[in-house]
PDB file of N, CA and C in Angstrom:
ATOM      1  N   MET A   1       1.094  -1.009  -0.113  1.00  0.00           N
ATOM      2  CA  MET A   1      -0.103   0.082   0.166  1.00  0.00           C
ATOM      3  C   MET A   1       0.797   1.039  -0.169  1.00  0.00           C
ATOM      4  N   ASN A   2       1.834   1.425   0.792  1.00  0.00           N
ATOM      5  CA  ASN A   2       3.079   2.501   0.677  1.00  0.00           C
ATOM      6  C   ASN A   2       3.139   2.681  -0.072  1.00  0.00           C
ATOM      7  N   THR A   3       3.977   1.839  -1.097  1.00  0.00           N
ATOM      8  CA  THR A   3       4.142   1.697  -2.618  1.00  0.00           C
ATOM      9  C   THR A   3       3.813   2.384  -3.762  1.00  0.00           C
ATOM     10  N   VAL A   4       2.599   2.087  -3.925  1.00  0.00           N
ATOM     11  CA  VAL A   4       0.942   2.687  -4.601  1.00  0.00           C
ATOM     12  C   VAL A   4       1.283   4.224  -4.158  1.00  0.00           C
ATOM     13  N   PHE A   5       0.581   4.288  -2.341  1.00  0.00           N
ATOM     14  CA  PHE A   5       1.241   5.904  -2.633  1.00  0.00           C
ATOM     15  C   PHE A   5       2.188   6.840  -2.852  1.00  0.00           C
ATOM     16  N   LEU A   6       2.957   5.928  -2.533  1.00  0.00           N
ATOM     17  CA  LEU A   6       4.482   6.916  -2.742  1.00  0.00           C
ATOM     18  C   LEU A   6       4.346   7.009  -4.642  1.00  0.00           C
ATOM     19  N   LEU A   7       4.090   5.995  -5.298  1.00  0.00           N
ATOM     20  CA  LEU A   7       4.043   6.255  -7.057  1.00  0.00           C
ATOM     21  C   LEU A   7       3.074   7.093  -7.290  1.00  0.00           C
ATOM     22  N   VAL A   8       1.998   7.442  -6.526  1.00  0.00           N
ATOM     23  CA  VAL A   8       1.294   8.402  -6.890  1.00  0.00           C
ATOM     24  C   VAL A   8       1.753   9.973  -6.464  1.00  0.00           C
ATOM     25  N   MET A   9       2.361  10.138  -5.474  1.00  0.00           N
ATOM     26  CA  MET A   9       3.020  11.000  -5.035  1.00  0.00           C
ATOM     27  C   MET A   9       3.444  12.172  -5.919  1.00  0.00           C
ATOM     28  N   LEU A  10       4.778  10.594  -6.138  1.00  0.00           N
ATOM     29  CA  LEU A  10       5.642  10.627  -6.973  1.00  0.00           C
ATOM     30  C   LEU A  10       5.452  11.422  -8.749  1.00  0.00           C
ATOM     31  N   ILE A  11       4.413  10.713  -9.247  1.00  0.00           N
ATOM     32  CA  ILE A  11       4.187  11.116 -10.425  1.00  0.00           C
ATOM     33  C   ILE A  11       2.652  12.428 -10.456  1.00  0.00           C
ATOM     34  N   GLY A  12       2.454  12.571  -9.391  1.00  0.00           N
ATOM     35  CA  GLY A  12       1.612  14.014  -9.004  1.00  0.00           C
ATOM     36  C   GLY A  12       2.381  15.251  -8.965  1.00  0.00           C
ATOM     37  N   THR A  13       3.788  14.874  -8.450  1.00  0.00           N
ATOM     38  CA  THR A  13       4.855  15.957  -8.121  1.00  0.00           C
ATOM     39  C   THR A  13       5.653  16.341  -9.329  1.00  0.00           C
ATOM     40  N   ALA A  14       5.887  15.197  -9.855  1.00  0.00           N
ATOM     41  CA  ALA A  14       6.121  15.251 -11.676  1.00  0.00           C
ATOM     42  C   ALA A  14       5.220  15.742 -12.607  1.00  0.00           C
ATOM     43  N   GLY A  15       4.032  15.610 -12.236  1.00  0.00           N
ATOM     44  CA  GLY A  15       3.223  16.873 -13.694  1.00  0.00           C
ATOM     45  C   GLY A  15       3.093  18.042 -12.940  1.00  0.00           C
ATOM     46  N   TRP A  16       3.187  18.253 -11.676  1.00  0.00           N
ATOM     47  CA  TRP A  16       2.605  19.481 -11.115  1.00  0.00           C
ATOM     48  C   TRP A  16       4.226  20.680 -11.015  1.00  0.00           C
ATOM     49  N   ILE A  17       5.389  19.918 -11.334  1.00  0.00           N
ATOM     50  CA  ILE A  17       6.993  20.365 -11.274  1.00  0.00           C
ATOM     51  C   ILE A  17       6.597  20.519 -12.898  1.00  0.00           C
ATOM     52  N   THR A  18       6.420  19.778 -13.623  1.00  0.00           N
ATOM     53  CA  THR A  18       6.097  20.069 -15.107  1.00  0.00           C
ATOM     54  C   THR A  18       5.157  21.338 -15.788  1.00  0.00           C
ATOM     55  N   SER A  19       4.307  21.027 -15.292  1.00  0.00           N
ATOM     56  CA  SER A  19       2.972  22.687 -15.403  1.00  0.00           C
ATOM     57  C   SER A  19       4.240  23.878 -15.172  1.00  0.00           C
ATOM     58  N   THR A  20       4.640  23.603 -13.795  1.00  0.00           N
ATOM     59  CA  THR A  20       4.681  24.425 -13.396  1.00  0.00           C
ATOM     60  C   THR A  20       6.289  25.370 -14.072  1.00  0.00           C
ATOM     61  N   VAL A  21       7.268  24.419 -15.044  1.00  0.00           N
ATOM     62  CA  VAL A  21       8.393  25.077 -15.633  1.00  0.00           C
ATOM     63  C   VAL A  21       7.454  25.330 -16.844  1.00  0.00           C
ATOM     64  N   SER A  22       6.261  24.535 -17.792  1.00  0.00           N
ATOM     65  CA  SER A  22       6.020  25.028 -18.695  1.00  0.00           C
ATOM     66  C   SER A  22       5.589  26.446 -19.310  1.00  0.00           C
ATOM     67  N   LEU A  23       4.782  26.395 -17.758  1.00  0.00           N
ATOM     68  CA  LEU A  23       4.331  27.699 -17.579  1.00  0.00           C
ATOM     69  C   LEU A  23       5.407  29.222 -17.393  1.00  0.00           C
ATOM     70  N   ARG A  24       5.972  28.873 -16.996  1.00  0.00           N
ATOM     71  CA  ARG A  24       7.051  30.090 -15.897  1.00  0.00           C
ATOM     72  C   ARG A  24       7.666  29.921 -17.909  1.00  0.00           C
ATOM     73  N   VAL A  25       8.058  28.905 -18.723  1.00  0.00           N
ATOM     74  CA  VAL A  25       9.356  29.160 -19.987  1.00  0.00           C
ATOM     75  C   VAL A  25       8.239  29.755 -20.845  1.00  0.00           C
ATOM     76  N   LYS A  26       6.615  29.592 -21.021  1.00  0.00           N
ATOM     77  CA  LYS A  26       5.309  30.131 -21.584  1.00  0.00           C
ATOM     78  C   LYS A  26       5.561  32.026 -21.045  1.00  0.00           C
ATOM     79  N   SER A  27       6.070  31.747 -20.054  1.00  0.00           N
ATOM     80  CA  SER A  27       6.035  33.663 -19.797  1.00  0.00           C
ATOM     81  C   SER A  27       7.149  34.321 -20.310  1.00  0.00           C
ATOM     82  N   LEU A  28       8.425  33.305 -19.894  1.00  0.00           N
ATOM     83  CA  LEU A  28       9.415  34.342 -20.626  1.00  0.00           C
ATOM     84  C   LEU A  28       9.378  34.278 -21.953  1.00  0.00           C
ATOM     85  N   GLN A  29       9.318  33.353 -22.145  1.00  0.00           N
ATOM     86  CA  GLN A  29       8.629  33.554 -24.137  1.00  0.00           C
ATOM     87  C   GLN A  29       8.292  34.590 -24.725  1.00  0.00           C
ATOM     88  N   LEU A  30       6.511  34.878 -23.570  1.00  0.00           N
ATOM     89  CA  LEU A  30       5.888  36.136 -23.923  1.00  0.00           C
ATOM     90  C   LEU A  30       6.708  37.482 -24.112  1.00  0.00           C
ATOM     91  N   GLN A  31       7.893  37.402 -22.907  1.00  0.00           N
ATOM     92  CA  GLN A  31       9.049  38.488 -22.580  1.00  0.00           C
ATOM     93  C   GLN A  31       9.659  39.262 -23.609  1.00  0.00           C
ATOM     94  N   ALA A  32      10.076  37.958 -23.759  1.00  0.00           N
ATOM     95  CA  ALA A  32      11.128  37.752 -24.712  1.00  0.00           C
ATOM     96  C   ALA A  32      10.433  38.761 -25.898  1.00  0.00           C
ATOM     97  N   ASP A  33       9.492  37.735 -26.792  1.00  0.00           N
ATOM     98  CA  ASP A  33       8.574  38.549 -27.985  1.00  0.00           C
ATOM     99  C   ASP A  33       8.385  40.260 -27.828  1.00  0.00           C
ATOM    100  N   ARG A  34       8.093  40.876 -26.134  1.00  0.00           N
ATOM    101  CA  ARG A  34       7.798  41.786 -26.107  1.00  0.00           C
ATOM    102  C   ARG A  34       9.607  42.759 -25.394  1.00  0.00           C
ATOM    103  N   MET A  35       9.836  41.971 -25.671  1.00  0.00           N
ATOM    104  CA  MET A  35      11.173  42.838 -25.836  1.00  0.00           C
ATOM    105  C   MET A  35      11.541  42.967 -27.107  1.00  0.00           C
ATOM    106  N   GLU A  36      11.587  42.215 -27.681  1.00  0.00           N
ATOM    107  CA  GLU A  36      11.871  42.195 -29.208  1.00  0.00           C
ATOM    108  C   GLU A  36      11.264  43.065 -29.947  1.00  0.00           C
ATOM    109  N   ARG A  37      10.145  43.261 -30.182  1.00  0.00           N
ATOM    110  CA  ARG A  37       9.251  44.164 -30.443  1.00  0.00           C
ATOM    111  C   ARG A  37       9.365  45.422 -30.201  1.00  0.00           C
ATOM    112  N   ARG A  38       9.682  45.714 -28.784  1.00  0.00           N
ATOM    113  CA  ARG A  38      10.062  47.562 -28.413  1.00  0.00           C
ATOM    114  C   ARG A  38      11.565  47.175 -29.300  1.00  0.00           C
ATOM    115  N   MET A  39      12.337  46.270 -29.270  1.00  0.00           N
ATOM    116  CA  MET A  39      14.091  46.796 -30.180  1.00  0.00           C
ATOM    117  C   MET A  39      13.224  47.322 -31.423  1.00  0.00           C
ATOM    118  N   ALA A  40      12.818  46.701 -31.982  1.00  0.00           N
ATOM    119  CA  ALA A  40      12.755  47.014 -33.069  1.00  0.00           C
ATOM    120  C   ALA A  40      11.664  48.278 -33.519  1.00  0.00           C
ATOM    121  N   LEU A  41      11.065  48.662 -32.761  1.00  0.00           N
ATOM    122  CA  LEU A  41      10.474  50.097 -32.625  1.00  0.00           C
ATOM    123  C   LEU A  41      11.177  51.261 -32.267  1.00  0.00           C
ATOM    124  N   LEU A  42      12.516  50.605 -31.287  1.00  0.00           N
ATOM    125  CA  LEU A  42      13.869  51.648 -31.463  1.00  0.00           C
ATOM    126  C   LEU A  42      14.200  51.438 -32.345  1.00  0.00           C
ATOM    127  N   LEU A  43      14.570  50.472 -32.848  1.00  0.00           N
ATOM    128  CA  LEU A  43      15.565  50.817 -33.972  1.00  0.00           C
ATOM    129  C   LEU A  43      15.144  51.333 -35.298  1.00  0.00           C
ATOM    130  N   ASP A  44      13.490  51.274 -35.258  1.00  0.00           N
ATOM    131  CA  ASP A  44      12.724  51.822 -36.409  1.00  0.00           C
ATOM    132  C   ASP A  44      12.614  53.492 -36.196  1.00  0.00           C
ATOM    133  N   HIS A  45      12.700  53.955 -34.884  1.00  0.00           N
ATOM    134  CA  HIS A  45      11.921  55.234 -34.433  1.00  0.00           C
ATOM    135  C   HIS A  45      14.100  56.079 -34.446  1.00  0.00           C
ATOM    136  N   PHE A  46      14.749  55.426 -34.553  1.00  0.00           N
ATOM    137  CA  PHE A  46      16.299  56.174 -34.837  1.00  0.00           C
ATOM    138  C   PHE A  46      17.128  55.477 -36.162  1.00  0.00           C
ATOM    139  N   GLY A  47      16.013  54.966 -37.332  1.00  0.00           N
ATOM    140  CA  GLY A  47      16.892  54.624 -37.897  1.00  0.00           C
ATOM    141  C   GLY A  47      17.536  54.040 -38.421  1.00  0.00           C
ATOM    142  N   ILE A  48      18.193  52.679 -37.086  1.00  0.00           N
ATOM    143  CA  ILE A  48      19.763  51.796 -37.094  1.00  0.00           C
ATOM    144  C   ILE A  48      18.763  50.710 -37.948  1.00  0.00           C
ATOM    145  N   GLU A  49      19.621  50.275 -38.757  1.00  0.00           N
ATOM    146  CA  GLU A  49      19.692  49.132 -39.373  1.00  0.00           C
ATOM    147  C   GLU A  49      20.030  47.864 -38.968  1.00  0.00           C
ATOM    148  N   GLU A  50      19.528  46.846 -38.302  1.00  0.00           N
ATOM    149  CA  GLU A  50      20.026  45.454 -37.394  1.00  0.00           C
ATOM    150  C   GLU A  50      20.963  45.411 -38.966  1.00  0.00           C
ATOM    151  N   PRO A  51      22.829  45.296 -38.023  1.00  0.00           N
ATOM    152  CA  PRO A  51      23.553  44.642 -38.734  1.00  0.00           C
ATOM    153  C   PRO A  51      23.687  43.323 -39.401  1.00  0.00           C
ATOM    154  N   GLU A  52      24.211  42.887 -40.280  1.00  0.00           N
ATOM    155  CA  GLU A  52      23.538  41.666 -41.746  1.00  0.00           C
ATOM    156  C   GLU A  52      24.622  40.619 -40.321  1.00  0.00           C
ATOM    157  N   PRO A  53      24.310  39.443 -39.924  1.00  0.00           N
ATOM    158  CA  PRO A  53      24.883  38.600 -39.517  1.00  0.00           C
ATOM    159  C   PRO A  53      26.699  37.998 -40.488  1.00  0.00           C
ATOM    160  N   ALA A  54      27.693  37.594 -39.798  1.00  0.00           N
ATOM    161  CA  ALA A  54      28.622  36.963 -40.776  1.00  0.00           C
ATOM    162  C   ALA A  54      28.890  36.033 -41.031  1.00  0.00           C
ATOM    163  N   GLY A  55      29.632  35.920 -42.011  1.00  0.00           N
ATOM    164  CA  GLY A  55      29.035  34.260 -42.572  1.00  0.00           C
ATOM    165  C   GLY A  55      28.330  34.130 -44.024  1.00  0.00           C
ATOM    166  N   LEU A  56      27.597  35.748 -44.682  1.00  0.00           N
ATOM    167  CA  LEU A  56      26.440  35.057 -45.508  1.00  0.00           C
ATOM    168  C   LEU A  56      26.978  35.334 -46.433  1.00  0.00           C
ATOM    169  N   ASP A  57      28.282  34.992 -46.841  1.00  0.00           N
ATOM    170  CA  ASP A  57      28.927  35.420 -48.403  1.00  0.00           C
ATOM    171  C   ASP A  57      28.562  33.537 -48.896  1.00  0.00           C
ATOM    172  N   GLU A  58      28.758  32.568 -48.152  1.00  0.00           N
ATOM    173  CA  GLU A  58      28.295  31.064 -48.481  1.00  0.00           C
ATOM    174  C   GLU A  58      26.878  31.422 -48.512  1.00  0.00           C
ATOM    175  N   VAL A  59      26.285  31.788 -47.934  1.00  0.00           N
ATOM    176  CA  VAL A  59      24.173  31.730 -48.043  1.00  0.00           C
ATOM    177  C   VAL A  59      24.071  32.442 -49.956  1.00  0.00           C
ATOM    178  N   ARG A  60      24.798  33.221 -49.845  1.00  0.00           N
ATOM    179  CA  ARG A  60      24.822  34.586 -51.824  1.00  0.00           C
ATOM    180  C   ARG A  60      25.784  32.921 -52.183  1.00  0.00           C
ATOM    181  N   ALA A  61      26.757  32.811 -52.076  1.00  0.00           N
ATOM    182  CA  ALA A  61      27.329  31.719 -52.832  1.00  0.00           C
ATOM    183  C   ALA A  61      25.735  30.637 -53.790  1.00  0.00           C
ATOM    184  N   LEU A  62      25.374  30.123 -52.220  1.00  0.00           N
ATOM    185  CA  LEU A  62      24.453  29.245 -52.757  1.00  0.00           C
ATOM    186  C   LEU A  62      23.555  29.507 -53.595  1.00  0.00           C
ATOM    187  N   LEU A  63      22.547  30.810 -53.395  1.00  0.00           N
ATOM    188  CA  LEU A  63      21.524  31.132 -53.777  1.00  0.00           C
ATOM    189  C   LEU A  63      22.694  31.539 -55.695  1.00  0.00           C
ATOM    190  N   ARG A  64      23.127  32.011 -55.756  1.00  0.00           N
ATOM    191  CA  ARG A  64      23.883  31.989 -57.136  1.00  0.00           C
ATOM    192  C   ARG A  64      23.746  31.103 -57.742  1.00  0.00           C
ATOM    193  N   GLU A  65      24.174  29.867 -57.425  1.00  0.00           N
ATOM    194  CA  GLU A  65      23.656  28.305 -57.746  1.00  0.00           C
ATOM    195  C   GLU A  65      22.497  28.199 -57.473  1.00  0.00           C
ATOM    196  N   ASP A  66      21.331  29.174 -57.252  1.00  0.00           N
ATOM    197  CA  ASP A  66      20.095  28.406 -57.212  1.00  0.00           C
ATOM    198  C   ASP A  66      20.013  26.606 -56.554  1.00  0.00           C
ATOM    199  N   ARG A  67      20.347  27.184 -55.031  1.00  0.00           N
ATOM    200  CA  ARG A  67      20.740  26.123 -54.413  1.00  0.00           C
ATOM    201  C   ARG A  67      20.252  26.788 -53.329  1.00  0.00           C
ATOM    202  N   GLN A  68      18.643  27.030 -53.150  1.00  0.00           N
ATOM    203  CA  GLN A  68      18.129  27.652 -51.921  1.00  0.00           C
ATOM    204  C   GLN A  68      18.080  26.939 -51.051  1.00  0.00           C
ATOM    205  N   ILE A  69      17.820  25.698 -50.780  1.00  0.00           N
ATOM    206  CA  ILE A  69      16.939  24.699 -49.638  1.00  0.00           C
ATOM    207  C   ILE A  69      19.026  24.757 -49.224  1.00  0.00           C
ATOM    208  N   SER A  70      20.101  24.592 -50.071  1.00  0.00           N
ATOM    209  CA  SER A  70      21.441  24.813 -48.910  1.00  0.00           C
ATOM    210  C   SER A  70      21.139  26.046 -48.381  1.00  0.00           C
ATOM    211  N   ALA A  71      20.831  27.093 -48.900  1.00  0.00           N
ATOM    212  CA  ALA A  71      21.244  28.521 -48.778  1.00  0.00           C
ATOM    213  C   ALA A  71      20.421  28.449 -47.770  1.00  0.00           C
ATOM    214  N   ILE A  72      19.123  27.786 -47.194  1.00  0.00           N
ATOM    215  CA  ILE A  72      18.220  28.179 -46.129  1.00  0.00           C
ATOM    216  C   ILE A  72      18.757  27.034 -44.956  1.00  0.00           C
ATOM    217  N   LYS A  73      19.887  25.582 -45.066  1.00  0.00           N
ATOM    218  CA  LYS A  73      20.460  24.834 -44.693  1.00  0.00           C
ATOM    219  C   LYS A  73      21.810  26.079 -43.654  1.00  0.00           C
ATOM    220  N   ALA A  74      22.492  26.767 -44.794  1.00  0.00           N
ATOM    221  CA  ALA A  74      23.724  27.481 -44.237  1.00  0.00           C
ATOM    222  C   ALA A  74      23.185  28.528 -43.782  1.00  0.00           C
ATOM    223  N   TYR A  75      22.292  29.194 -43.995  1.00  0.00           N
ATOM    224  CA  TYR A  75      21.850  30.409 -42.468  1.00  0.00           C
ATOM    225  C   TYR A  75      21.445  29.837 -41.839  1.00  0.00           C
ATOM    226  N   ARG A  76      20.362  28.928 -41.717  1.00  0.00           N
ATOM    227  CA  ARG A  76      20.270  28.704 -39.923  1.00  0.00           C
ATOM    228  C   ARG A  76      21.640  27.782 -38.931  1.00  0.00           C
ATOM    229  N   ARG A  77      22.556  27.576 -40.353  1.00  0.00           N
ATOM    230  CA  ARG A  77      23.880  27.204 -39.255  1.00  0.00           C
ATOM    231  C   ARG A  77      24.249  28.417 -38.750  1.00  0.00           C
ATOM    232  N   ILE A  78      24.782  28.827 -39.333  1.00  0.00           N
ATOM    233  CA  ILE A  78      25.488  30.310 -39.307  1.00  0.00           C
ATOM    234  C   ILE A  78      24.379  31.468 -38.241  1.00  0.00           C
ATOM    235  N   THR A  79      23.548  31.184 -38.493  1.00  0.00           N
ATOM    236  CA  THR A  79      23.199  32.747 -37.360  1.00  0.00           C
ATOM    237  C   THR A  79      22.075  31.850 -36.313  1.00  0.00           C
ATOM    238  N   GLY A  80      21.642  30.227 -36.093  1.00  0.00           N
ATOM    239  CA  GLY A  80      20.809  29.616 -35.031  1.00  0.00           C
ATOM    240  C   GLY A  80      18.717  30.138 -35.409  1.00  0.00           C
ATOM    241  N   ALA A  81      18.854  30.902 -36.443  1.00  0.00           N
ATOM    242  CA  ALA A  81      17.412  30.944 -36.688  1.00  0.00           C
ATOM    243  C   ALA A  81      16.551  29.417 -36.948  1.00  0.00           C
ATOM    244  N   GLY A  82      15.279  29.550 -36.669  1.00  0.00           N
ATOM    245  CA  GLY A  82      14.424  28.581 -37.220  1.00  0.00           C
ATOM    246  C   GLY A  82      14.419  28.703 -38.826  1.00  0.00           C
ATOM    247  N   LEU A  83      14.101  27.470 -38.874  1.00  0.00           N
ATOM    248  CA  LEU A  83      13.178  26.954 -40.290  1.00  0.00           C
ATOM    249  C   LEU A  83      12.344  28.401 -41.091  1.00  0.00           C
ATOM    250  N   ALA A  84      11.537  28.858 -40.330  1.00  0.00           N
ATOM    251  CA  ALA A  84      10.609  29.867 -40.907  1.00  0.00           C
ATOM    252  C   ALA A  84      11.474  31.047 -41.019  1.00  0.00           C
ATOM    253  N   GLU A  85      12.163  31.514 -40.406  1.00  0.00           N
ATOM    254  CA  GLU A  85      12.836  33.062 -40.784  1.00  0.00           C
ATOM    255  C   GLU A  85      14.266  32.550 -41.235  1.00  0.00           C
ATOM    256  N   ALA A  86      14.735  31.874 -41.577  1.00  0.00           N
ATOM    257  CA  ALA A  86      15.602  31.638 -42.748  1.00  0.00           C
ATOM    258  C   ALA A  86      15.127  31.608 -43.461  1.00  0.00           C
ATOM    259  N   LYS A  87      13.955  31.173 -43.641  1.00  0.00           N
ATOM    260  CA  LYS A  87      13.859  30.695 -45.409  1.00  0.00           C
ATOM    261  C   LYS A  87      12.859  32.349 -45.655  1.00  0.00           C
ATOM    262  N   LEU A  88      12.625  33.277 -44.980  1.00  0.00           N
ATOM    263  CA  LEU A  88      12.076  34.287 -45.163  1.00  0.00           C
ATOM    264  C   LEU A  88      13.706  34.978 -45.611  1.00  0.00           C
ATOM    265  N   ALA A  89      14.513  34.852 -44.912  1.00  0.00           N
ATOM    266  CA  ALA A  89      15.486  35.830 -44.702  1.00  0.00           C
ATOM    267  C   ALA A  89      16.392  35.555 -46.075  1.00  0.00           C
ATOM    268  N   VAL A  90      16.456  33.936 -46.873  1.00  0.00           N
ATOM    269  CA  VAL A  90      17.448  33.645 -47.911  1.00  0.00           C
ATOM    270  C   VAL A  90      16.563  34.389 -48.826  1.00  0.00           C
ATOM    271  N   GLU A  91      15.005  34.016 -48.704  1.00  0.00           N
ATOM    272  CA  GLU A  91      14.259  34.763 -49.877  1.00  0.00           C
ATOM    273  C   GLU A  91      14.411  36.295 -49.997  1.00  0.00           C
ATOM    274  N   ALA A  92      14.623  37.120 -49.035  1.00  0.00           N
ATOM    275  CA  ALA A  92      15.091  38.593 -49.147  1.00  0.00           C
ATOM    276  C   ALA A  92      16.354  38.844 -49.511  1.00  0.00           C
ATOM    277  N   LEU A  93      16.761  37.631 -49.386  1.00  0.00           N
ATOM    278  CA  LEU A  93      18.746  38.110 -49.821  1.00  0.00           C
ATOM    279  C   LEU A  93      18.292  37.722 -51.446  1.00  0.00           C
ATOM    280  N   ALA A  94      17.456  36.634 -51.696  1.00  0.00           N
ATOM    281  CA  ALA A  94      17.508  36.759 -53.345  1.00  0.00           C
ATOM    282  C   ALA A  94      17.192  37.592 -54.227  1.00  0.00           C
ATOM    283  N   GLU A  95      15.958  38.607 -52.867  1.00  0.00           N
ATOM    284  CA  GLU A  95      15.365  39.139 -54.457  1.00  0.00           C
ATOM    285  C   GLU A  95      16.547  40.645 -54.286  1.00  0.00           C
ATOM    286  N   ALA A  96      17.127  40.697 -53.147  1.00  0.00           N
ATOM    287  CA  ALA A  96      18.324  42.119 -53.184  1.00  0.00           C
ATOM    288  C   ALA A  96      19.391  41.755 -54.348  1.00  0.00           C
ATOM    289  N   ARG A  97      18.996  40.432 -54.541  1.00  0.00           N
ATOM    290  CA  ARG A  97      20.036  39.769 -55.515  1.00  0.00           C
ATOM    291  C   ARG A  97      19.795  40.148 -57.019  1.00  0.00           C
ATOM    292  N   LYS A  98      18.918  39.966 -57.040  1.00  0.00           N
ATOM    293  CA  LYS A  98      17.903  40.341 -58.126  1.00  0.00           C
ATOM    294  C   LYS A  98      17.129  41.905 -58.631  1.00  0.00           C
ATOM    295  N   SER A  99      17.756  42.384 -58.224  1.00  0.00           N
ATOM    296  CA  SER A  99      17.880  43.729 -58.113  1.00  0.00           C
ATOM    297  C   SER A  99      18.093  44.213 -58.540  1.00  0.00           C
TER     298      SER A  99
END
């Protein structure tokens, strides 16, 4: 009987800890998103452009070879960006190259 009780308590405690950590991570993500929006507003207000990440020459070379998927992979490796962000950035680089 004691073993079952301890097991139930352990599972309950693990669930509580998991939910608490999950809520905290969500809260921190919201704060980070809010700070990012504020930073973007400040940069726009003062007319400051974000510096380009170093190492994009490799990405541009891949675009010149029409290897967009490889360029996206390289951009992600260089910058640590997510897939959606990397795709948008590489598409913007490709459009700038066409202009």
